[in-house]
Amino acid sequence: MVLQVETWYTGIYNILKKRCLTTAKARLEWVGKVSGEITTQDERTRDKEKAKKNHVEANYAGQLIGHSLCWLLKRNRKNRSSSYR
């Protein structure tokens, strides 16, 4: 027997709100606590500095996704052709 339950986004949001997890930062901190991961303030500031340097410019919406898909398709095609030999 399969039980199917519809869940609306408001229900999920209310659960997150009840547990004070409405922001991505709060959810990441919660996951770190639950998994037993210990991060120091130095690690957090280092990661923030790294993230500032990861900026990519795009001329139009979807440009980066198009390039990524093209790269993945080429890579996948190359891997398939080498596996048949």
Protein backbone atom coordinates (compact mmCIF):
# COMPACT_ATOMS: atom_id res chain seq x y z
CA MET A 1 0.00 0.00 0.00
CA VAL A 2 1.41 3.36 -1.01
CA LEU A 3 0.41 6.41 0.98
CA GLN A 4 0.43 9.61 -1.02
CA VAL A 5 0.23 12.89 0.82
CA GLU A 6 0.15 16.27 -0.85
CA THR A 7 2.29 18.87 0.84
CA TRP A 8 1.91 22.52 -0.05
CA TYR A 9 4.75 25.01 0.22
CA THR A 10 2.92 26.82 3.02
CA GLY A 11 3.00 23.67 5.14
CA ILE A 12 6.73 23.28 4.65
CA TYR A 13 7.32 26.97 5.36
CA ASN A 14 5.27 26.78 8.56
CA ILE A 15 7.35 23.85 9.81
CA LEU A 16 10.57 25.72 9.02
CA LYS A 17 9.18 28.84 10.71
CA LYS A 18 8.27 26.87 13.83
CA ARG A 19 11.88 25.67 14.08
CA CYS A 20 13.36 29.12 13.17
CA LEU A 21 14.86 27.74 9.93
CA THR A 22 13.42 30.18 7.40
CA THR A 23 16.82 31.45 6.18
CA ALA A 24 19.48 29.48 4.34
CA LYS A 25 22.06 30.53 6.92
CA ALA A 26 19.96 29.12 9.78
CA ARG A 27 19.43 25.85 7.88
CA LEU A 28 23.15 25.47 7.16
CA GLU A 29 24.01 26.08 10.81
CA TRP A 30 21.40 23.53 11.86
CA VAL A 31 22.79 20.90 9.46
CA GLY A 32 26.28 21.56 10.82
CA LYS A 33 25.09 21.03 14.39
CA VAL A 34 23.12 17.88 13.58
CA SER A 35 25.96 16.31 11.58
CA GLY A 36 28.50 17.07 14.32
CA GLU A 37 30.53 19.33 12.05
CA ILE A 38 32.58 21.85 14.01
CA THR A 39 33.43 25.07 12.18
CA THR A 40 35.45 27.89 13.63
CA GLN A 41 35.00 31.57 12.96
CA ASP A 42 38.23 31.54 10.90
CA GLU A 43 36.87 28.85 8.59
CA ARG A 44 33.65 30.81 8.07
CA THR A 45 35.45 34.05 7.21
CA ARG A 46 37.83 32.19 4.86
CA ASP A 47 34.86 30.61 3.07
CA LYS A 48 33.13 33.99 2.76
CA GLU A 49 36.25 35.51 1.20
CA LYS A 50 36.50 32.62 -1.27
CA ALA A 51 32.84 33.04 -2.20
CA LYS A 52 33.36 36.73 -3.04
CA LYS A 53 35.89 35.73 -5.73
CA ASN A 54 33.56 33.22 -7.42
CA HIS A 55 31.55 35.82 -9.34
CA VAL A 56 30.71 35.15 -13.00
CA GLU A 57 29.21 37.74 -15.35
CA ALA A 58 26.40 36.82 -17.75
CA ASN A 59 25.06 38.92 -20.62
CA TYR A 60 21.54 37.48 -20.46
CA ALA A 61 19.46 35.20 -18.27
CA GLY A 62 20.22 31.55 -18.93
CA GLN A 63 23.62 32.13 -20.55
CA LEU A 64 25.55 30.29 -17.86
CA ILE A 65 23.10 27.40 -17.81
CA GLY A 66 23.40 27.03 -21.56
CA HIS A 67 27.19 26.91 -21.40
CA SER A 68 27.13 24.42 -18.53
CA LEU A 69 24.74 22.10 -20.35
CA CYS A 70 26.83 22.27 -23.51
CA TRP A 71 29.95 21.36 -21.53
CA LEU A 72 28.20 18.48 -19.77
CA LEU A 73 26.81 17.09 -23.02
CA LYS A 74 30.24 17.19 -24.68
CA ARG A 75 31.82 15.53 -21.66
CA ASN A 76 29.11 12.85 -21.53
CA ARG A 77 29.49 12.15 -25.25
CA LYS A 78 33.25 11.80 -24.86
CA ASN A 79 32.87 9.36 -21.95
CA ARG A 80 30.37 7.23 -23.85
CA SER A 81 32.54 6.93 -26.94
CA SER A 82 35.56 5.83 -24.90
CA SER A 83 33.55 3.19 -23.01
CA TYR A 84 32.43 1.42 -26.22
CA ARG A 85 35.97 0.73 -27.40
